[in-house]
PDB file of N, CA and C in Angstrom:
ATOM      1  N   MET A   1     101.991 195.284  80.234  1.00  0.00           N
ATOM      2  CA  MET A   1     101.906 195.169  78.790  1.00  0.00           C
ATOM      3  C   MET A   1     103.246 195.586  78.196  1.00  0.00           C
ATOM      4  N   ASP A   2     103.821 194.747  77.373  1.00  0.00           N
ATOM      5  CA  ASP A   2     105.106 194.994  76.730  1.00  0.00           C
ATOM      6  C   ASP A   2     104.883 195.822  75.475  1.00  0.00           C
ATOM      7  N   LYS A   3     105.475 197.016  75.443  1.00  0.00           N
ATOM      8  CA  LYS A   3     105.274 197.936  74.308  1.00  0.00           C
ATOM      9  C   LYS A   3     105.866 197.403  73.004  1.00  0.00           C
ATOM     10  N   ASP A   4     106.792 196.436  73.085  1.00  0.00           N
ATOM     11  CA  ASP A   4     107.418 195.884  71.885  1.00  0.00           C
ATOM     12  C   ASP A   4     106.548 194.826  71.208  1.00  0.00           C
ATOM     13  N   ARG A   5     105.585 194.286  71.930  1.00  0.00           N
ATOM     14  CA  ARG A   5     104.698 193.271  71.355  1.00  0.00           C
ATOM     15  C   ARG A   5     103.649 193.928  70.471  1.00  0.00           C
ATOM     16  N   GLU A   6     103.233 193.222  69.464  1.00  0.00           N
ATOM     17  CA  GLU A   6     102.191 193.740  68.566  1.00  0.00           C
ATOM     18  C   GLU A   6     100.798 193.360  69.049  1.00  0.00           C
ATOM     19  N   THR A   7     100.712 192.408  69.982  1.00  0.00           N
ATOM     20  CA  THR A   7      99.419 191.974  70.485  1.00  0.00           C
ATOM     21  C   THR A   7      99.383 192.075  72.006  1.00  0.00           C
ATOM     22  N   MET A   8      98.161 192.015  72.549  1.00  0.00           N
ATOM     23  CA  MET A   8      97.989 192.003  73.996  1.00  0.00           C
ATOM     24  C   MET A   8      96.894 191.018  74.347  1.00  0.00           C
ATOM     25  N   THR A   9      96.922 190.558  75.576  1.00  0.00           N
ATOM     26  CA  THR A   9      95.918 189.604  76.033  1.00  0.00           C
ATOM     27  C   THR A   9      94.596 190.310  76.277  1.00  0.00           C
ATOM     28  N   GLU A  10      93.567 189.509  76.492  1.00  0.00           N
ATOM     29  CA  GLU A  10      92.251 190.061  76.784  1.00  0.00           C
ATOM     30  C   GLU A  10      92.280 190.889  78.070  1.00  0.00           C
ATOM     31  N   ALA A  11      92.968 190.404  79.095  1.00  0.00           N
ATOM     32  CA  ALA A  11      93.058 191.139  80.362  1.00  0.00           C
ATOM     33  C   ALA A  11      93.783 192.469  80.167  1.00  0.00           C
ATOM     34  N   GLU A  12      94.853 192.475  79.386  1.00  0.00           N
ATOM     35  CA  GLU A  12      95.594 193.715  79.118  1.00  0.00           C
ATOM     36  C   GLU A  12      94.733 194.710  78.343  1.00  0.00           C
ATOM     37  N   PHE A  13      94.004 194.209  77.350  1.00  0.00           N
ATOM     38  CA  PHE A  13      93.138 195.083  76.556  1.00  0.00           C
ATOM     39  C   PHE A  13      92.035 195.677  77.418  1.00  0.00           C
ATOM     40  N   ALA A  14      91.403 194.839  78.240  1.00  0.00           N
ATOM     41  CA  ALA A  14      90.329 195.309  79.121  1.00  0.00           C
ATOM     42  C   ALA A  14      90.838 196.405  80.047  1.00  0.00           C
ATOM     43  N   LYS A  15      92.017 196.217  80.599  1.00  0.00           N
ATOM     44  CA  LYS A  15      92.590 197.219  81.496  1.00  0.00           C
ATOM     45  C   LYS A  15      92.928 198.504  80.732  1.00  0.00           C
ATOM     46  N   ALA A  16      93.454 198.366  79.535  1.00  0.00           N
ATOM     47  CA  ALA A  16      93.867 199.533  78.738  1.00  0.00           C
ATOM     48  C   ALA A  16      92.684 200.422  78.358  1.00  0.00           C
ATOM     49  N   VAL A  17      91.529 199.807  78.092  1.00  0.00           N
ATOM     50  CA  VAL A  17      90.372 200.603  77.672  1.00  0.00           C
ATOM     51  C   VAL A  17      89.351 200.795  78.791  1.00  0.00           C
ATOM     52  N   GLY A  18      89.568 200.152  79.933  1.00  0.00           N
ATOM     53  CA  GLY A  18      88.716 200.372  81.091  1.00  0.00           C
ATOM     54  C   GLY A  18      87.361 199.702  81.052  1.00  0.00           C
ATOM     55  N   VAL A  19      87.314 198.502  80.477  1.00  0.00           N
ATOM     56  CA  VAL A  19      86.060 197.744  80.464  1.00  0.00           C
ATOM     57  C   VAL A  19      86.329 196.344  81.002  1.00  0.00           C
ATOM     58  N   SER A  20      85.261 195.622  81.311  1.00  0.00           N
ATOM     59  CA  SER A  20      85.432 194.269  81.830  1.00  0.00           C
ATOM     60  C   SER A  20      85.661 193.284  80.688  1.00  0.00           C
ATOM     61  N   ARG A  21      86.159 192.118  81.053  1.00  0.00           N
ATOM     62  CA  ARG A  21      86.357 191.060  80.064  1.00  0.00           C
ATOM     63  C   ARG A  21      85.016 190.562  79.540  1.00  0.00           C
ATOM     64  N   VAL A  22      83.975 190.628  80.361  1.00  0.00           N
ATOM     65  CA  VAL A  22      82.626 190.235  79.917  1.00  0.00           C
ATOM     66  C   VAL A  22      82.148 191.181  78.820  1.00  0.00           C
ATOM     67  N   THR A  23      82.410 192.472  78.989  1.00  0.00           N
ATOM     68  CA  THR A  23      82.038 193.456  77.960  1.00  0.00           C
ATOM     69  C   THR A  23      82.762 193.143  76.654  1.00  0.00           C
ATOM     70  N   LEU A  24      84.040 192.807  76.736  1.00  0.00           N
ATOM     71  CA  LEU A  24      84.793 192.445  75.532  1.00  0.00           C
ATOM     72  C   LEU A  24      84.184 191.211  74.878  1.00  0.00           C
ATOM     73  N   TRP A  25      83.833 190.220  75.688  1.00  0.00           N
ATOM     74  CA  TRP A  25      83.222 189.003  75.152  1.00  0.00           C
ATOM     75  C   TRP A  25      81.938 189.328  74.412  1.00  0.00           C
ATOM     76  N   ARG A  26      81.092 190.161  75.018  1.00  0.00           N
ATOM     77  CA  ARG A  26      79.825 190.538  74.372  1.00  0.00           C
ATOM     78  C   ARG A  26      80.071 191.255  73.046  1.00  0.00           C
ATOM     79  N   MET A  27      81.025 192.147  73.040  1.00  0.00           N
ATOM     80  CA  MET A  27      81.330 192.890  71.811  1.00  0.00           C
ATOM     81  C   MET A  27      81.875 191.961  70.731  1.00  0.00           C
ATOM     82  N   ARG A  28      82.686 190.990  71.121  1.00  0.00           N
ATOM     83  CA  ARG A  28      83.184 190.010  70.140  1.00  0.00           C
ATOM     84  C   ARG A  28      82.038 189.191  69.574  1.00  0.00           C
ATOM     85  N   GLN A  29      81.105 188.772  70.431  1.00  0.00           N
ATOM     86  CA  GLN A  29      79.972 187.962  69.986  1.00  0.00           C
ATOM     87  C   GLN A  29      79.112 188.703  68.972  1.00  0.00           C
ATOM     88  N   ARG A  30      79.039 190.032  69.126  1.00  0.00           N
ATOM     89  CA  ARG A  30      78.245 190.857  68.197  1.00  0.00           C
ATOM     90  C   ARG A  30      79.041 191.273  66.961  1.00  0.00           C
ATOM     91  N   GLY A  31      80.318 190.886  66.896  1.00  0.00           N
ATOM     92  CA  GLY A  31      81.157 191.259  65.761  1.00  0.00           C
ATOM     93  C   GLY A  31      81.612 192.703  65.801  1.00  0.00           C
ATOM     94  N   GLN A  32      81.615 193.308  66.990  1.00  0.00           N
ATOM     95  CA  GLN A  32      81.967 194.721  67.131  1.00  0.00           C
ATOM     96  C   GLN A  32      83.429 194.957  67.495  1.00  0.00           C
ATOM     97  N   LEU A  33      84.170 193.894  67.725  1.00  0.00           N
ATOM     98  CA  LEU A  33      85.528 194.062  68.217  1.00  0.00           C
ATOM     99  C   LEU A  33      86.488 193.139  67.485  1.00  0.00           C
ATOM    100  N   PRO A  34      87.389 193.700  66.675  1.00  0.00           N
ATOM    101  CA  PRO A  34      88.352 192.853  65.974  1.00  0.00           C
ATOM    102  C   PRO A  34      89.305 192.195  66.970  1.00  0.00           C
ATOM    103  N   HIS A  35      89.659 190.957  66.693  1.00  0.00           N
ATOM    104  CA  HIS A  35      90.553 190.217  67.578  1.00  0.00           C
ATOM    105  C   HIS A  35      91.162 189.052  66.814  1.00  0.00           C
ATOM    106  N   TYR A  36      92.120 188.413  67.466  1.00  0.00           N
ATOM    107  CA  TYR A  36      92.757 187.218  66.928  1.00  0.00           C
ATOM    108  C   TYR A  36      92.453 186.070  67.873  1.00  0.00           C
ATOM    109  N   LYS A  37      92.232 184.890  67.335  1.00  0.00           N
ATOM    110  CA  LYS A  37      91.997 183.726  68.170  1.00  0.00           C
ATOM    111  C   LYS A  37      93.008 182.658  67.801  1.00  0.00           C
ATOM    112  N   LEU A  38      93.825 182.303  68.770  1.00  0.00           N
ATOM    113  CA  LEU A  38      94.820 181.254  68.599  1.00  0.00           C
ATOM    114  C   LEU A  38      94.462 180.131  69.557  1.00  0.00           C
ATOM    115  N   GLY A  39      93.800 179.110  69.028  1.00  0.00           N
ATOM    116  CA  GLY A  39      93.280 178.063  69.906  1.00  0.00           C
ATOM    117  C   GLY A  39      92.197 178.663  70.770  1.00  0.00           C
ATOM    118  N   ARG A  40      92.374 178.599  72.079  1.00  0.00           N
ATOM    119  CA  ARG A  40      91.403 179.181  73.017  1.00  0.00           C
ATOM    120  C   ARG A  40      91.820 180.572  73.475  1.00  0.00           C
ATOM    121  N   ARG A  41      92.965 181.014  73.021  1.00  0.00           N
ATOM    122  CA  ARG A  41      93.506 182.299  73.459  1.00  0.00           C
ATOM    123  C   ARG A  41      93.006 183.439  72.570  1.00  0.00           C
ATOM    124  N   ILE A  42      92.540 184.520  73.194  1.00  0.00           N
ATOM    125  CA  ILE A  42      92.070 185.711  72.489  1.00  0.00           C
ATOM    126  C   ILE A  42      93.144 186.777  72.614  1.00  0.00           C
ATOM    127  N   LEU A  43      93.531 187.359  71.476  1.00  0.00           N
ATOM    128  CA  LEU A  43      94.525 188.430  71.466  1.00  0.00           C
ATOM    129  C   LEU A  43      93.981 189.622  70.689  1.00  0.00           C
ATOM    130  N   TYR A  44      94.491 190.790  71.038  1.00  0.00           N
ATOM    131  CA  TYR A  44      94.121 192.029  70.366  1.00  0.00           C
ATOM    132  C   TYR A  44      95.379 192.717  69.891  1.00  0.00           C
ATOM    133  N   GLY A  45      95.293 193.392  68.748  1.00  0.00           N
ATOM    134  CA  GLY A  45      96.417 194.168  68.254  1.00  0.00           C
ATOM    135  C   GLY A  45      96.538 195.472  69.033  1.00  0.00           C
ATOM    136  N   GLN A  46      97.748 195.975  69.180  1.00  0.00           N
ATOM    137  CA  GLN A  46      97.960 197.253  69.876  1.00  0.00           C
ATOM    138  C   GLN A  46      97.110 198.353  69.244  1.00  0.00           C
ATOM    139  N   ARG A  47      96.981 198.327  67.919  1.00  0.00           N
ATOM    140  CA  ARG A  47      96.219 199.370  67.228  1.00  0.00           C
ATOM    141  C   ARG A  47      94.744 199.316  67.577  1.00  0.00           C
ATOM    142  N   HIS A  48      94.250 198.164  68.041  1.00  0.00           N
ATOM    143  CA  HIS A  48      92.841 198.024  68.380  1.00  0.00           C
ATOM    144  C   HIS A  48      92.452 198.895  69.570  1.00  0.00           C
ATOM    145  N   VAL A  49      93.398 199.196  70.460  1.00  0.00           N
ATOM    146  CA  VAL A  49      93.101 200.067  71.599  1.00  0.00           C
ATOM    147  C   VAL A  49      92.706 201.449  71.097  1.00  0.00           C
ATOM    148  N   GLU A  50      93.546 202.022  70.257  1.00  0.00           N
ATOM    149  CA  GLU A  50      93.262 203.366  69.725  1.00  0.00           C
ATOM    150  C   GLU A  50      91.974 203.373  68.913  1.00  0.00           C
ATOM    151  N   GLU A  51      91.779 202.350  68.086  1.00  0.00           N
ATOM    152  CA  GLU A  51      90.559 202.261  67.273  1.00  0.00           C
ATOM    153  C   GLU A  51      89.321 202.140  68.161  1.00  0.00           C
ATOM    154  N   PHE A  52      89.416 201.349  69.223  1.00  0.00           N
ATOM    155  CA  PHE A  52      88.300 201.165  70.143  1.00  0.00           C
ATOM    156  C   PHE A  52      87.938 202.487  70.804  1.00  0.00           C
ATOM    157  N   LEU A  53      88.941 203.178  71.328  1.00  0.00           N
ATOM    158  CA  LEU A  53      88.684 204.439  72.015  1.00  0.00           C
ATOM    159  C   LEU A  53      88.136 205.495  71.061  1.00  0.00           C
ATOM    160  N   LYS A  54      88.688 205.554  69.860  1.00  0.00           N
ATOM    161  CA  LYS A  54      88.211 206.536  68.879  1.00  0.00           C
ATOM    162  C   LYS A  54      86.764 206.239  68.483  1.00  0.00           C
ATOM    163  N   ALA A  55      86.421 204.974  68.325  1.00  0.00           N
ATOM    164  CA  ALA A  55      85.065 204.588  67.936  1.00  0.00           C
ATOM    165  C   ALA A  55      84.041 204.897  69.028  1.00  0.00           C
ATOM    166  N   HIS A  56      84.489 204.983  70.269  1.00  0.00           N
ATOM    167  CA  HIS A  56      83.572 205.221  71.383  1.00  0.00           C
ATOM    168  C   HIS A  56      83.734 206.611  71.991  1.00  0.00           C
ATOM    169  N   GLU A  57      84.393 207.488  71.265  1.00  0.00           N
ATOM    170  CA  GLU A  57      84.581 208.856  71.733  1.00  0.00           C
ATOM    171  C   GLU A  57      83.252 209.606  71.679  1.00  0.00           C
ATOM    172  N   CYS A  58      82.969 210.338  72.721  1.00  0.00           N
ATOM    173  CA  CYS A  58      81.754 211.149  72.778  1.00  0.00           C
ATOM    174  C   CYS A  58      82.130 212.605  72.550  1.00  0.00           C
ATOM    175  N   LYS A  59      81.453 213.200  71.623  1.00  0.00           N
ATOM    176  CA  LYS A  59      81.647 214.637  71.357  1.00  0.00           C
ATOM    177  C   LYS A  59      80.671 215.385  72.247  1.00  0.00           C
ATOM    178  N   THR A  60      81.172 216.368  72.986  1.00  0.00           N
ATOM    179  CA  THR A  60      80.297 217.178  73.831  1.00  0.00           C
ATOM    180  C   THR A  60      80.289 218.586  73.314  1.00  0.00           C
ATOM    181  N   GLU A  61      79.136 219.219  73.447  1.00  0.00           N
ATOM    182  CA  GLU A  61      79.012 220.613  73.024  1.00  0.00           C
ATOM    183  C   GLU A  61      79.314 221.497  74.214  1.00  0.00           C
ATOM    184  N   VAL A  62      80.034 222.558  73.963  1.00  0.00           N
ATOM    185  CA  VAL A  62      80.367 223.517  75.003  1.00  0.00           C
ATOM    186  C   VAL A  62      79.251 224.545  75.076  1.00  0.00           C
ATOM    187  N   ASP A  63      78.773 224.783  76.279  1.00  0.00           N
ATOM    188  CA  ASP A  63      77.718 225.775  76.482  1.00  0.00           C
ATOM    189  C   ASP A  63      78.325 227.154  76.345  1.00  0.00           C
ATOM    190  N   GLU A  64      77.848 227.933  75.391  1.00  0.00           N
ATOM    191  CA  GLU A  64      78.407 229.266  75.126  1.00  0.00           C
ATOM    192  C   GLU A  64      78.085 230.266  76.228  1.00  0.00           C
ATOM    193  N   HIS A  65      77.154 229.946  77.104  1.00  0.00           N
ATOM    194  CA  HIS A  65      76.745 230.865  78.168  1.00  0.00           C
ATOM    195  C   HIS A  65      77.615 230.717  79.418  1.00  0.00           C
ATOM    196  N   SER A  66      78.515 229.767  79.434  1.00  0.00           N
ATOM    197  CA  SER A  66      79.352 229.543  80.622  1.00  0.00           C
ATOM    198  C   SER A  66      80.525 230.469  80.657  1.00  0.00           C
TER     199      SER A  66
END
């Protein structure tokens, strides 16, 4: 992935966030994942990686007895 580019391919995005391309497809179909479509090509903005990870962050509680 070229850090100077503003967009990344579906394969690059999937690798960056650790999910399959099928998962990305499902999320796009449900309207849960912003993307760009140029003809048949799907692209994602670099900022979408951070937004995706932040949206799926799990907050865990620390056990005070540990």
